[in-house]
């Protein structure tokens, strides 16, 4: 049996981990889009490093686009097998993949306006038709159910607490008279998350594929998220008469922000200004979360007893049309604008940043992971000039962050996730989904917890199990 790492290897995005059994059966864990990788991003997304027609099964940990975003291309290139995931992941993946296809088709159309020769024209990675075909191949499995895929292979999902539907994947493989247990963490959430349940315990594994996004960080803030949000909004919008621009992922961060702002209203201390969510996808994702209340933690369930809409409050408005979005840039009144993408690498938020970044009365607030090369990452690192839409802009607005709002666990959360295992029985831990310098700092922490064999795979590297 072999495992090869064709994405999220010494990098955070593009999750693809391929297990090949001696029988020839191939199991692909995730098929994510690479994002924020600079000039090589397109190249990475155009080549899998394996033959899609040979993949037998696909198991999807969760619906973030860096985990599911290349599924339609995999199908378009010949993968015809089932795609296993939780019910909520299927619902969320549908809207995210359709949105991704729409963006790619629009980008290709725009690029091709200036290209006359057909052979030189750009093609999208996939279309909405590819997404529809992909959705037909989905098969859902509830949490904590042992599902037998075939005579050799069974899978079990446990709640990873990362986003709605997110799962750690546990495979049990029978081969040549031997049983092998492989756990893929997916992305691990926070213990004590604002909305979701904490990551569940899971069965003993022989091999663990472990995410490490925040393997060198602690998220602890000195006060509750809603208090910090309230102070930033008051200082910016009430005292300085400015705007708060929040780049936020449509799935997860946006809903946490709305929940925290709703909590301020329930306490009677929400500043009386307009609040805009400028992302049609965020509205759809919020509806998916509302339709899966089984993922809520006990604290949220208590709030639901007194407030039926935990994501709605006075002054909130969802912006859908492009014209409405543009109008916000011409409106001088203080407000809060929540808009995707979370790394500020695309989407409407880049326009809002451009229009507000050079005014000292405004605040750009980061609330999630941002790769160092992304616009959000560069702003957090203190860059004083940024290039947006063909022009340089001075960074004069205040740059703030709330670290504890990350959907990813910090290194204490990750070690707590691993703590249910007997490390002596784990033959190998593979660290994935992390920048290489972060993984080099996290590996010794894992080894100090008793896991003696810790590897940091390179891109396309294969291991014999």
Protein backbone atom coordinates (compact mmCIF):
# COMPACT_ATOMS: atom_id res chain seq x y z
CA UNK A 1 0.00 0.00 0.00
CA UNK A 2 1.24 3.48 -0.88
CA UNK A 3 0.26 7.06 -0.14
CA UNK A 4 1.21 10.07 -2.27
CA UNK A 5 0.72 13.74 -1.46
CA UNK A 6 -0.38 15.69 -4.51
CA UNK A 7 -1.49 18.87 -2.74
CA UNK A 8 -1.29 20.71 0.58
CA UNK A 9 2.27 19.36 0.83
CA UNK A 10 4.45 21.97 2.52
CA UNK A 11 1.62 24.36 1.62
CA UNK A 12 -1.83 25.14 2.97
CA UNK A 13 -4.04 24.68 -0.11
CA UNK A 14 -4.82 22.14 -2.82
CA UNK A 15 -5.61 19.14 -0.58
CA UNK A 16 -5.09 15.82 -2.44
CA UNK A 17 -3.80 12.65 -0.77
CA UNK A 18 -3.86 9.46 -2.85
CA UNK A 19 -3.85 5.99 -1.28
CA UNK A 20 -3.11 3.10 -3.67
CA UNK A 21 -3.77 -0.45 -2.50
CA UNK A 22 -1.83 -3.47 -3.76
CA UNK A 23 -5.01 -4.52 -5.58
CA UNK A 24 -4.86 -1.31 -7.64
CA UNK A 25 -7.80 0.34 -5.86
CA UNK A 26 -7.14 4.06 -5.44
CA UNK A 27 -8.70 6.23 -2.73
CA UNK A 28 -8.30 9.98 -3.08
CA UNK A 29 -8.74 12.06 0.06
CA UNK A 30 -10.03 15.51 -1.03
CA UNK A 31 -9.49 17.22 -4.36
CA UNK A 32 -8.91 20.87 -3.56
CA UNK A 33 -8.12 23.97 -5.54
CA UNK A 34 -4.75 25.64 -5.04
CA UNK A 35 -5.12 29.27 -3.97
CA UNK A 36 -2.72 32.12 -3.27
CA UNK A 37 0.38 30.30 -4.60
CA UNK A 38 1.54 33.21 -6.75
CA UNK A 39 2.58 32.71 -10.35
CA UNK A 40 2.44 28.90 -10.14
CA UNK A 41 -1.19 28.71 -8.93
CA UNK A 42 -2.69 28.12 -12.39
CA UNK A 43 -0.04 25.54 -13.26
CA UNK A 44 -0.69 23.61 -10.05
CA UNK A 45 -4.43 23.53 -10.73
CA UNK A 46 -4.03 22.29 -14.30
CA UNK A 47 -2.11 19.10 -13.47
CA UNK A 48 -3.08 16.53 -10.84
CA UNK A 49 0.12 14.48 -10.86
CA UNK A 50 -1.97 11.29 -11.21
CA UNK A 51 -4.48 9.79 -13.64
CA UNK A 52 -8.08 10.75 -12.68
CA UNK A 53 -9.46 7.73 -14.58
CA UNK A 54 -7.61 5.34 -12.23
CA UNK A 55 -9.10 6.79 -9.01
CA UNK A 56 -11.70 4.38 -7.63
CA UNK A 57 -13.21 6.35 -4.73
CA UNK A 58 -13.05 9.88 -3.43
CA UNK A 59 -13.59 10.81 0.21
CA UNK A 60 -14.19 14.48 0.97
CA UNK A 61 -13.39 15.85 4.43
CA UNK A 62 -15.24 19.14 4.04
CA UNK A 63 -16.49 21.71 1.54
CA UNK A 64 -13.90 24.47 1.65
CA UNK A 65 -12.78 25.18 -1.89
CA UNK A 66 -9.15 24.22 -1.16
CA UNK A 67 -10.50 20.74 -0.36
CA UNK A 68 -13.32 20.29 -2.92
CA UNK A 69 -12.62 22.92 -5.57
CA UNK A 70 -11.04 20.66 -8.20
CA UNK A 71 -13.60 17.85 -7.97
CA UNK A 72 -15.43 18.98 -11.14
CA UNK A 73 -12.16 19.02 -13.09
CA UNK A 74 -11.36 15.53 -11.77
CA UNK A 75 -14.75 14.36 -13.06
CA UNK A 76 -14.29 16.18 -16.38
CA UNK A 77 -10.98 14.34 -16.83
CA UNK A 78 -12.51 10.92 -16.29
CA UNK A 79 -13.13 10.18 -12.60
CA UNK A 80 -16.46 8.33 -12.49
CA UNK A 81 -16.54 6.85 -8.98
CA UNK A 82 -18.53 7.80 -5.89
CA UNK A 83 -17.69 10.83 -3.73
CA UNK A 84 -18.32 10.16 -0.02
CA UNK A 85 -18.94 12.97 2.49
CA UNK A 86 -21.34 14.10 5.24
CA UNK A 87 -24.79 15.44 4.27
CA UNK A 88 -23.93 19.03 5.24
CA UNK A 89 -20.70 18.89 3.24
CA UNK A 90 -22.65 17.85 0.15
CA UNK A 91 -25.04 20.82 0.58
CA UNK A 92 -22.21 23.27 1.06
CA UNK A 93 -20.01 21.83 -1.69
CA UNK A 94 -22.81 22.36 -4.20
CA UNK A 95 -22.99 26.12 -3.71
CA UNK A 96 -19.21 26.55 -3.44
CA UNK A 97 -18.41 24.55 -6.57
CA UNK A 98 -21.11 26.31 -8.59
CA UNK A 99 -19.74 29.66 -7.42
CA UNK A 100 -16.20 28.59 -8.35
CA UNK A 101 -17.34 27.50 -11.83
CA UNK A 102 -19.13 30.82 -12.34
CA UNK A 103 -15.99 32.79 -11.42
CA UNK A 104 -13.79 30.71 -13.71
CA UNK A 105 -16.18 30.98 -16.64
CA UNK A 106 -16.42 34.75 -16.15
CA UNK A 107 -12.64 35.13 -15.86
CA UNK A 108 -12.09 33.10 -19.03
CA UNK A 109 -14.70 35.11 -20.92
CA UNK A 110 -13.10 38.39 -19.82
CA UNK A 111 -9.59 37.23 -20.77
CA UNK A 112 -10.75 35.99 -24.17
CA UNK A 113 -12.27 39.33 -25.21
CA UNK A 114 -8.79 40.44 -26.24
CA UNK A 115 -7.75 37.12 -27.82
CA UNK A 116 -8.82 36.62 -31.42
CA UNK A 117 -7.34 33.19 -32.22
CA UNK A 118 -9.48 30.31 -30.89
CA UNK A 119 -6.40 28.18 -30.14
CA UNK A 120 -5.01 30.91 -27.87
CA UNK A 121 -8.17 31.38 -25.83
CA UNK A 122 -8.26 30.51 -22.14
CA UNK A 123 -10.51 27.74 -20.88
CA UNK A 124 -11.99 27.54 -17.37
CA UNK A 125 -10.81 24.68 -15.19
CA UNK A 126 -14.42 23.48 -15.33
CA UNK A 127 -17.95 24.66 -16.05
CA UNK A 128 -21.28 24.56 -14.25
CA UNK A 129 -22.15 21.45 -16.30
CA UNK A 130 -19.10 19.69 -14.84
CA UNK A 131 -20.34 20.64 -11.37
CA UNK A 132 -23.79 19.18 -12.05
CA UNK A 133 -22.21 15.88 -13.17
CA UNK A 134 -20.01 15.88 -10.06
CA UNK A 135 -23.01 16.35 -7.76
CA UNK A 136 -24.60 13.21 -9.21
CA UNK A 137 -21.63 11.20 -7.92
CA UNK A 138 -21.99 12.34 -4.29
CA UNK A 139 -23.04 9.82 -1.64
CA UNK A 140 -23.58 10.99 1.93
CA UNK A 141 -22.71 9.22 5.19
CA UNK A 142 -23.73 10.56 8.64
CA UNK A 143 -21.19 11.12 11.38
CA UNK A 144 -20.14 8.11 13.50
CA UNK A 145 -21.38 5.45 11.10
CA UNK A 146 -19.06 2.68 9.93
CA UNK A 147 -19.74 2.46 6.20
CA UNK A 148 -18.41 -0.46 4.18
CA UNK A 149 -17.34 0.82 0.77
CA UNK A 150 -16.24 -2.61 -0.48
CA UNK A 151 -14.85 -5.87 0.96
CA UNK A 152 -11.49 -4.24 1.65
CA UNK A 153 -12.43 -0.77 2.71
CA UNK A 154 -14.66 0.95 5.27
CA UNK A 155 -14.89 4.59 6.33
CA UNK A 156 -16.11 6.49 9.38
CA UNK A 157 -16.59 10.26 9.75
CA UNK A 158 -16.21 12.11 13.05
CA UNK A 159 -16.98 15.79 13.54
CA UNK A 160 -13.84 17.91 13.06
CA UNK A 161 -15.48 21.10 14.36
CA UNK A 162 -14.02 23.20 11.52
CA UNK A 163 -17.06 24.24 9.45
CA UNK A 164 -20.56 22.86 9.02
CA UNK A 165 -20.24 19.22 7.88
CA UNK A 166 -16.46 19.04 8.35
CA UNK A 167 -15.13 15.59 9.21
CA UNK A 168 -12.03 13.72 10.15
CA UNK A 169 -11.84 10.64 7.91
CA UNK A 170 -11.05 7.21 9.37
CA UNK A 171 -10.28 4.39 6.96
CA UNK A 172 -10.03 0.71 7.80
CA UNK A 173 -8.31 -1.29 5.08
CA UNK A 174 -8.11 -5.09 4.87
CA UNK A 175 -5.30 -6.20 2.60
CA UNK A 176 -3.17 -9.37 2.35
CA UNK A 177 -4.54 -10.62 5.67
CA UNK A 178 -3.57 -7.39 7.45
CA UNK A 179 -5.70 -4.54 8.81
CA UNK A 180 -4.47 -0.95 8.41
CA UNK A 181 -6.18 2.06 10.01
CA UNK A 182 -5.57 5.49 8.47
CA UNK A 183 -6.92 8.76 9.87
CA UNK A 184 -7.01 11.98 7.86
CA UNK A 185 -7.71 14.91 10.16
CA UNK A 186 -9.16 17.12 7.43
CA UNK A 187 -9.04 20.60 8.97
CA UNK A 188 -9.33 20.59 12.76
CA UNK A 189 -11.48 23.25 14.41
CA UNK A 190 -11.26 24.98 17.77
CA UNK A 191 -12.14 23.48 21.11
CA UNK A 192 -14.71 25.93 22.48
CA UNK A 193 -15.68 27.32 19.05
CA UNK A 194 -18.23 30.13 19.00
CA UNK A 195 -20.77 28.12 16.97
CA UNK A 196 -19.71 24.53 16.42
CA UNK A 197 -19.13 21.46 18.54
CA UNK A 198 -15.56 20.65 19.52
CA UNK A 199 -13.69 18.03 17.45
CA UNK A 200 -14.76 14.51 18.39
CA UNK A 201 -12.52 11.78 19.69
CA UNK A 202 -11.62 9.09 17.17
CA UNK A 203 -10.49 5.44 17.03
CA UNK A 204 -6.87 4.35 17.25
CA UNK A 205 -4.96 4.77 13.99
CA UNK A 206 -1.82 3.23 12.53
CA UNK A 207 -1.14 6.26 10.31
CA UNK A 208 -2.33 9.84 10.74
CA UNK A 209 -2.43 12.52 8.03
CA UNK A 210 -2.49 15.65 10.17
CA UNK A 211 -3.17 19.26 9.24
CA UNK A 212 -0.77 21.86 10.65
CA UNK A 213 -1.98 25.27 9.48
CA UNK A 214 -1.43 26.93 12.86
CA UNK A 215 1.20 24.53 14.17
CA UNK A 216 3.31 27.42 15.49
CA UNK A 217 0.56 29.69 16.86
CA UNK A 218 -1.79 30.22 19.76
CA UNK A 219 -5.10 31.98 19.12
CA UNK A 220 -5.89 33.04 22.67
CA UNK A 221 -7.29 36.57 22.92
CA UNK A 222 -7.72 38.45 26.15
CA UNK A 223 -11.49 38.92 25.87
CA UNK A 224 -14.54 37.50 24.07
CA UNK A 225 -14.80 37.99 20.32
CA UNK A 226 -17.98 40.07 20.51
CA UNK A 227 -16.34 42.50 22.96
CA UNK A 228 -13.36 43.03 20.64
CA UNK A 229 -15.68 43.48 17.67
CA UNK A 230 -17.78 45.99 19.59
CA UNK A 231 -14.74 48.05 20.57
CA UNK A 232 -13.30 48.13 17.05
CA UNK A 233 -16.65 49.13 15.55
CA UNK A 234 -17.20 51.82 18.20
CA UNK A 235 -13.70 53.29 17.77
CA UNK A 236 -13.91 53.30 13.97
CA UNK A 237 -17.55 54.00 13.15
CA UNK A 238 -18.77 56.01 16.14
CA UNK A 239 -15.65 57.92 17.21
CA UNK A 240 -13.80 58.34 13.89
CA UNK A 241 -16.88 58.18 11.62
CA UNK A 242 -15.14 55.62 9.44
CA UNK A 243 -15.81 52.21 7.94
CA UNK A 244 -14.78 48.75 9.11
CA UNK A 245 -13.93 46.48 6.17
CA UNK A 246 -13.76 42.78 7.09
CA UNK A 247 -12.42 40.28 4.53
CA UNK A 248 -14.17 37.08 5.60
CA UNK A 249 -14.61 33.64 4.11
CA UNK A 250 -18.22 33.13 3.02
CA UNK A 251 -18.34 29.86 4.94
CA UNK A 252 -17.58 29.88 8.66
CA UNK A 253 -16.09 33.29 9.41
CA UNK A 254 -19.03 35.28 8.07
CA UNK A 255 -21.49 33.26 10.15
CA UNK A 256 -19.33 33.63 13.28
CA UNK A 257 -19.21 37.38 12.76
CA UNK A 258 -22.99 37.57 12.38
CA UNK A 259 -23.45 35.44 15.50
CA UNK A 260 -21.09 37.67 17.51
CA UNK A 261 -22.79 40.85 16.29
CA UNK A 262 -26.17 39.34 17.15
CA UNK A 263 -24.83 38.64 20.65
CA UNK A 264 -24.00 42.35 21.01
CA UNK A 265 -27.57 43.23 20.03
CA UNK A 266 -28.97 40.76 22.56
CA UNK A 267 -26.89 42.56 25.20
CA UNK A 268 -28.16 45.94 23.94
CA UNK A 269 -24.70 47.25 23.03
CA UNK A 270 -24.54 46.83 19.23
CA UNK A 271 -23.56 50.19 17.67
CA UNK A 272 -26.49 51.59 15.67
CA UNK A 273 -24.99 51.69 12.16
CA UNK A 274 -25.57 49.77 8.91
CA UNK A 275 -24.03 46.29 8.61
CA UNK A 276 -23.56 44.86 5.13
CA UNK A 277 -22.67 41.33 4.04
CA UNK A 278 -21.49 41.88 0.48
CA UNK A 279 -21.37 38.32 -0.79
CA UNK A 280 -24.25 36.39 -2.35
CA UNK A 281 -22.43 33.17 -1.48
CA UNK A 282 -22.42 34.12 2.22
CA UNK A 283 -26.21 34.29 2.21
CA UNK A 284 -26.44 30.79 0.71
CA UNK A 285 -23.85 29.42 3.16
CA UNK A 286 -25.73 30.95 6.09
CA UNK A 287 -28.90 29.18 4.96
CA UNK A 288 -27.01 25.85 4.78
CA UNK A 289 -25.77 26.33 8.34
CA UNK A 290 -29.31 27.15 9.51
CA UNK A 291 -30.55 23.90 7.91
CA UNK A 292 -28.04 21.79 9.88
CA UNK A 293 -28.58 22.74 13.54
CA UNK A 294 -27.10 19.37 14.59
CA UNK A 295 -23.62 20.91 14.31
CA UNK A 296 -24.30 23.67 16.88
CA UNK A 297 -22.65 23.53 20.29
CA UNK A 298 -24.67 23.70 23.52
CA UNK A 299 -24.11 27.44 23.93
CA UNK A 300 -25.74 28.17 20.59
CA UNK A 301 -28.64 25.83 21.41
CA UNK A 302 -29.28 27.88 24.56
CA UNK A 303 -29.32 31.14 22.57
CA UNK A 304 -31.80 29.59 20.12
CA UNK A 305 -34.27 29.25 23.01
CA UNK A 306 -34.53 33.05 23.19
CA UNK A 307 -33.61 34.09 19.63
CA UNK A 308 -34.87 32.15 16.60
CA UNK A 309 -32.52 33.95 14.16
CA UNK A 310 -29.00 33.86 15.60
CA UNK A 311 -27.52 35.36 12.42
CA UNK A 312 -29.90 38.33 12.11
CA UNK A 313 -30.03 41.71 13.88
CA UNK A 314 -31.07 45.33 13.41
CA UNK A 315 -29.23 47.11 10.62
CA UNK A 316 -28.09 43.95 8.80
CA UNK A 317 -28.47 43.78 5.04
CA UNK A 318 -27.22 41.20 2.54
CA UNK A 319 -25.95 42.75 -0.70
CA UNK A 320 -26.50 40.65 -3.81
CA UNK A 321 -26.17 42.77 -6.96
CA UNK A 322 -22.95 44.28 -8.27
CA UNK A 323 -24.61 47.72 -8.51
CA UNK A 324 -25.54 47.62 -4.82
CA UNK A 325 -21.97 46.63 -3.99
CA UNK A 326 -20.54 49.54 -6.00
CA UNK A 327 -22.95 51.94 -4.30
CA UNK A 328 -21.36 51.16 -0.93
CA UNK A 329 -18.11 52.72 -2.14
CA UNK A 330 -19.87 56.02 -2.81
CA UNK A 331 -21.71 56.07 0.53
CA UNK A 332 -19.73 58.15 3.07
CA UNK A 333 -21.67 57.06 6.16
CA UNK A 334 -19.97 54.89 8.81
CA UNK A 335 -20.73 51.20 8.38
CA UNK A 336 -19.37 47.67 8.63
CA UNK A 337 -18.81 45.75 5.38
CA UNK A 338 -18.20 41.98 5.57
CA UNK A 339 -17.12 40.63 2.21
CA UNK A 340 -15.24 37.70 0.69
CA UNK A 341 -12.64 36.50 0.07
CA UNK A 342 -11.05 35.96 3.48
CA UNK A 343 -7.51 36.35 2.14
CA UNK A 344 -8.60 39.39 0.07
CA UNK A 345 -7.26 37.64 -3.03
CA UNK A 346 -10.44 38.02 -5.06
CA UNK A 347 -14.05 39.03 -4.88
CA UNK A 348 -15.76 42.26 -3.97
CA UNK A 349 -13.73 42.88 -0.82
CA UNK A 350 -10.71 43.99 -2.88
CA UNK A 351 -12.78 46.91 -4.22
CA UNK A 352 -13.81 47.87 -0.69
CA UNK A 353 -10.20 47.73 0.48
CA UNK A 354 -9.05 49.86 -2.47
CA UNK A 355 -11.65 52.50 -1.68
CA UNK A 356 -10.95 52.64 2.05
CA UNK A 357 -7.31 51.70 2.67
CA UNK A 358 -5.82 55.17 2.29
CA UNK A 359 -8.09 56.91 4.82
CA UNK A 360 -6.94 56.92 8.44
CA UNK A 361 -10.46 56.93 9.83
CA UNK A 362 -11.12 53.43 8.43
CA UNK A 363 -10.16 49.97 9.73
CA UNK A 364 -9.36 46.79 7.79
CA UNK A 365 -10.07 43.90 10.16
CA UNK A 366 -8.71 40.38 9.54
CA UNK A 367 -10.55 37.46 11.15
CA UNK A 368 -9.07 34.27 9.72
CA UNK A 369 -6.07 32.55 8.20
CA UNK A 370 -4.24 34.47 5.47
CA UNK A 371 -1.28 33.00 3.61
CA UNK A 372 1.79 35.27 3.78
CA UNK A 373 1.68 36.07 0.06
CA UNK A 374 -2.00 37.05 0.00
CA UNK A 375 -3.17 40.67 0.26
CA UNK A 376 -4.62 40.01 3.73
CA UNK A 377 -1.37 38.35 4.81
CA UNK A 378 0.75 41.24 3.55
CA UNK A 379 -1.45 43.78 5.32
CA UNK A 380 -1.20 41.81 8.57
CA UNK A 381 2.59 41.74 8.16
CA UNK A 382 2.65 45.55 8.08
CA UNK A 383 3.17 46.29 4.37
CA UNK A 384 2.81 50.04 3.82
CA UNK A 385 1.95 50.05 0.10
CA UNK A 386 -0.20 47.57 -1.82
CA UNK A 387 -0.92 47.02 -5.51
CA UNK A 388 -4.61 46.88 -6.36
CA UNK A 389 -6.23 46.98 -9.80
CA UNK A 390 -3.10 48.29 -11.51
CA UNK A 391 -2.27 51.00 -8.99
CA UNK A 392 -0.27 51.46 -5.78
CA UNK A 393 -2.13 52.48 -2.62
CA UNK A 394 -0.68 53.74 0.66
CA UNK A 395 -1.82 51.74 3.69
CA UNK A 396 -3.07 54.51 5.99
CA UNK A 397 -6.18 52.82 7.42
CA UNK A 398 -5.72 50.94 10.68
CA UNK A 399 -5.02 47.22 10.23
CA UNK A 400 -6.42 45.01 13.01
CA UNK A 401 -6.93 41.26 13.54
CA UNK A 402 -8.88 38.93 15.83
CA UNK A 403 -6.78 35.77 15.89
CA UNK A 404 -9.21 33.64 17.88
CA UNK A 405 -11.74 33.70 15.02
CA UNK A 406 -9.72 31.27 12.92
CA UNK A 407 -11.59 28.10 11.97
CA UNK A 408 -8.32 26.20 12.35
CA UNK A 409 -7.15 24.98 15.72
CA UNK A 410 -3.88 26.36 17.08
CA UNK A 411 -1.08 24.01 18.13
CA UNK A 412 -2.71 23.31 21.49
CA UNK A 413 -5.96 22.35 19.73
CA UNK A 414 -4.08 20.14 17.27
CA UNK A 415 -2.21 18.36 20.07
CA UNK A 416 -5.48 17.92 21.98
CA UNK A 417 -6.97 16.33 18.85
CA UNK A 418 -4.06 13.87 18.75
CA UNK A 419 -4.12 13.21 22.50
CA UNK A 420 -6.82 10.51 22.22
CA UNK A 421 -4.29 8.28 20.45
CA UNK A 422 -1.74 5.89 21.94
CA UNK A 423 1.33 7.34 20.20
CA UNK A 424 3.22 4.04 20.54
CA UNK A 425 0.68 2.42 18.20
CA UNK A 426 0.96 5.13 15.53
CA UNK A 427 3.58 4.11 12.96
CA UNK A 428 3.77 7.47 11.18
CA UNK A 429 2.31 10.98 11.34
CA UNK A 430 2.32 12.92 8.06
CA UNK A 431 2.07 16.70 8.47
CA UNK A 432 0.13 18.41 5.68
CA UNK A 433 -1.82 21.65 5.17
CA UNK A 434 0.81 23.98 6.55
CA UNK A 435 3.55 26.30 5.42
CA UNK A 436 6.87 24.46 5.62
CA UNK A 437 8.42 26.75 8.25
CA UNK A 438 5.33 26.25 10.44
CA UNK A 439 5.47 22.47 10.00
CA UNK A 440 9.13 22.43 11.04
CA UNK A 441 8.12 24.08 14.32
CA UNK A 442 5.09 21.83 14.84
CA UNK A 443 6.88 18.52 14.19
CA UNK A 444 8.94 18.64 17.43
CA UNK A 445 5.75 19.37 19.41
CA UNK A 446 4.15 16.24 17.93
CA UNK A 447 7.26 14.19 18.70
CA UNK A 448 7.34 15.51 22.27
CA UNK A 449 3.78 14.18 22.61
CA UNK A 450 5.17 10.70 21.99
CA UNK A 451 4.77 10.31 18.22
CA UNK A 452 8.27 9.28 17.19
CA UNK A 453 7.91 9.13 13.40
CA UNK A 454 6.81 12.47 11.95
CA UNK A 455 7.22 13.22 8.24
CA UNK A 456 6.65 16.44 6.27
CA UNK A 457 5.90 15.21 2.71
CA UNK A 458 7.07 17.10 -0.35
CA UNK A 459 4.78 17.81 -3.27
CA UNK A 460 4.05 14.52 -5.13
CA UNK A 461 6.16 12.51 -2.64
CA UNK A 462 5.09 8.86 -2.22
CA UNK A 463 5.49 6.65 0.86
CA UNK A 464 5.18 2.90 1.30
CA UNK A 465 2.92 2.00 4.25
